[in-house]
């Protein structure tokens, strides 16, 4: 019986071949003057190499009689779905709340509710993470991220 590594490796090898063919059709250019297909071709080739490694690993596992474990046994589905809902809410309220507030709230909820960290630690890590991301993206890189409700309270 084929194992997951071999099956996914074969599938991804086909995907990489398709990606390389399409990238080549865009035009490769040269090393000094790369065309639009240069980077996609490289990514497709890299995917192909990793896929071949996965196939070889799957063949070795078959030869050694490796027994696969169930793929999703022991997954905490409630936590996984909670994270998906939190990320969807983060995206939905991102413009209204702004980058800083929504990132702070997401981190706080992920650490406190999902990660079961202590409230004080969750609060500190959330402030540092949101503040650090704000400094990096808004101050250092000058990205115009939404200010949201903060602009209302700060009168901007």
Protein backbone atom coordinates (compact mmCIF):
# COMPACT_ATOMS: atom_id res chain seq x y z
CA UNK A 1 0.00 0.00 0.00
CA UNK A 2 1.27 3.50 -0.84
CA UNK A 3 1.99 5.73 2.12
CA UNK A 4 1.20 9.43 2.54
CA UNK A 5 4.77 10.60 1.90
CA UNK A 6 4.93 8.80 -1.42
CA UNK A 7 1.47 9.93 -2.55
CA UNK A 8 1.99 13.57 -1.60
CA UNK A 9 5.51 13.49 -3.07
CA UNK A 10 4.17 12.23 -6.40
CA UNK A 11 1.40 14.82 -6.44
CA UNK A 12 3.77 17.68 -5.58
CA UNK A 13 6.24 16.49 -8.22
CA UNK A 14 3.48 16.85 -10.82
CA UNK A 15 2.61 20.30 -9.46
CA UNK A 16 6.27 21.35 -9.65
CA UNK A 17 6.58 20.13 -13.25
CA UNK A 18 3.47 22.09 -14.20
CA UNK A 19 4.79 25.19 -12.40
CA UNK A 20 8.16 24.94 -14.15
CA UNK A 21 6.55 24.53 -17.58
CA UNK A 22 4.27 27.53 -17.04
CA UNK A 23 7.15 29.62 -15.66
CA UNK A 24 9.28 28.73 -18.69
CA UNK A 25 6.44 29.86 -20.97
CA UNK A 26 6.52 33.27 -19.26
CA UNK A 27 10.14 33.70 -20.26
CA UNK A 28 13.19 32.93 -18.18
CA UNK A 29 15.47 35.77 -19.21
CA UNK A 30 19.05 35.48 -17.98
CA UNK A 31 20.89 35.73 -14.67
CA UNK A 32 21.74 39.37 -15.44
CA UNK A 33 18.28 40.23 -16.72
CA UNK A 34 15.73 37.80 -15.27
CA UNK A 35 12.37 37.49 -16.98
CA UNK A 36 8.96 37.12 -15.32
CA UNK A 37 9.30 33.33 -15.16
CA UNK A 38 12.73 33.26 -13.51
CA UNK A 39 11.66 33.26 -9.85
CA UNK A 40 8.56 31.05 -10.36
CA UNK A 41 10.76 28.54 -12.19
CA UNK A 42 13.21 28.49 -9.29
CA UNK A 43 10.40 27.99 -6.79
CA UNK A 44 8.93 25.20 -8.93
CA UNK A 45 12.34 23.53 -9.18
CA UNK A 46 12.83 23.79 -5.42
CA UNK A 47 9.38 22.27 -4.88
CA UNK A 48 10.37 19.48 -7.27
CA UNK A 49 13.55 18.70 -5.33
CA UNK A 50 11.66 18.58 -2.04
CA UNK A 51 8.96 16.41 -3.62
CA UNK A 52 11.54 13.94 -4.90
CA UNK A 53 13.02 13.77 -1.39
CA UNK A 54 9.53 13.05 -0.05
CA UNK A 55 9.05 10.27 -2.62
CA UNK A 56 12.40 8.69 -1.72
CA UNK A 57 11.52 8.87 1.95
CA UNK A 58 8.17 7.20 1.23
CA UNK A 59 9.84 4.41 -0.74
CA UNK A 60 12.31 3.80 2.10
CA UNK A 61 9.43 3.66 4.58
CA UNK A 62 7.62 1.13 2.38
CA UNK A 63 10.75 -1.02 2.14
CA UNK A 64 11.17 -1.02 5.92
CA UNK A 65 7.52 -1.91 6.54
CA UNK A 66 6.70 1.37 8.29
CA UNK A 67 3.19 1.44 9.76
CA UNK A 68 1.48 4.82 9.47
CA UNK A 69 -0.33 6.34 12.39
CA UNK A 70 -3.74 7.95 11.89
CA UNK A 71 -3.22 11.47 10.54
CA UNK A 72 -5.54 13.38 12.84
CA UNK A 73 -5.59 11.25 15.97
CA UNK A 74 -5.30 13.37 19.09
CA UNK A 75 -5.97 16.71 17.37
CA UNK A 76 -7.70 19.21 19.64
CA UNK A 77 -10.44 20.17 17.18
CA UNK A 78 -12.13 22.66 19.50
CA UNK A 79 -8.90 24.62 19.93
CA UNK A 80 -8.16 24.45 16.22
CA UNK A 81 -11.60 25.79 15.33
CA UNK A 82 -11.32 28.47 18.01
CA UNK A 83 -8.07 29.68 16.43
CA UNK A 84 -9.73 29.75 12.99
CA UNK A 85 -12.64 31.80 14.39
CA UNK A 86 -10.21 34.18 16.14
CA UNK A 87 -8.23 34.71 12.94
CA UNK A 88 -11.44 35.33 10.98
CA UNK A 89 -12.52 37.91 13.57
CA UNK A 90 -9.06 39.49 13.40
CA UNK A 91 -9.48 39.94 9.67
CA UNK A 92 -13.08 41.12 9.96
CA UNK A 93 -12.38 43.79 12.58
CA UNK A 94 -8.88 44.76 11.40
CA UNK A 95 -9.90 48.03 9.72
CA UNK A 96 -12.39 49.05 12.40
CA UNK A 97 -10.21 48.33 15.43
CA UNK A 98 -6.93 49.11 13.72
CA UNK A 99 -3.69 47.18 13.54
CA UNK A 100 -2.48 47.84 17.06
CA UNK A 101 -5.72 47.04 18.92
CA UNK A 102 -6.69 44.02 16.83
CA UNK A 103 -3.19 42.52 17.02
CA UNK A 104 -3.10 43.06 20.79
CA UNK A 105 -6.52 41.42 21.22
CA UNK A 106 -5.63 38.48 18.96
CA UNK A 107 -2.41 37.78 20.85
CA UNK A 108 -4.12 38.16 24.21
CA UNK A 109 -6.88 35.71 23.30
CA UNK A 110 -4.50 33.22 21.69
CA UNK A 111 -2.22 33.16 24.70
CA UNK A 112 -4.85 33.32 27.42
CA UNK A 113 -7.75 31.29 26.03
CA UNK A 114 -6.07 28.85 23.63
CA UNK A 115 -2.60 28.65 25.17
CA UNK A 116 -3.88 28.62 28.77
CA UNK A 117 -1.19 31.08 29.89
CA UNK A 118 -1.54 33.19 33.00
CA UNK A 119 -3.43 36.47 32.42
CA UNK A 120 -0.47 38.64 33.47
CA UNK A 121 1.94 36.83 31.13
CA UNK A 122 -0.61 36.94 28.30
CA UNK A 123 -1.05 40.68 28.81
CA UNK A 124 2.69 41.41 28.85
CA UNK A 125 3.47 39.27 25.80
CA UNK A 126 0.51 40.78 23.90
CA UNK A 127 1.62 44.35 24.63
CA UNK A 128 5.21 43.59 23.63
CA UNK A 129 4.16 41.74 20.46
CA UNK A 130 1.65 44.35 19.28
CA UNK A 131 3.97 47.22 20.21
CA UNK A 132 6.95 45.57 18.55
CA UNK A 133 4.97 44.86 15.38
CA UNK A 134 3.77 48.48 15.37
CA UNK A 135 7.33 49.77 15.73
CA UNK A 136 8.57 47.45 12.99
CA UNK A 137 5.86 47.97 10.39
CA UNK A 138 4.55 51.49 11.07
CA UNK A 139 7.59 53.31 12.44
CA UNK A 140 10.51 51.51 10.77
CA UNK A 141 8.96 50.46 7.45
CA UNK A 142 6.43 53.35 7.27
CA UNK A 143 3.56 51.06 6.29
CA UNK A 144 0.17 52.79 6.40
CA UNK A 145 -1.66 50.27 8.57
CA UNK A 146 -5.18 51.12 9.77
CA UNK A 147 -5.37 53.07 13.03
CA UNK A 148 -9.01 52.21 13.66
CA UNK A 149 -10.59 53.29 16.93
CA UNK A 150 -7.32 54.73 18.23
CA UNK A 151 -7.56 57.60 15.74
CA UNK A 152 -11.00 58.44 17.15
CA UNK A 153 -9.79 58.43 20.76
CA UNK A 154 -6.57 60.28 19.99
CA UNK A 155 -8.40 62.86 17.88
CA UNK A 156 -6.47 62.20 14.68
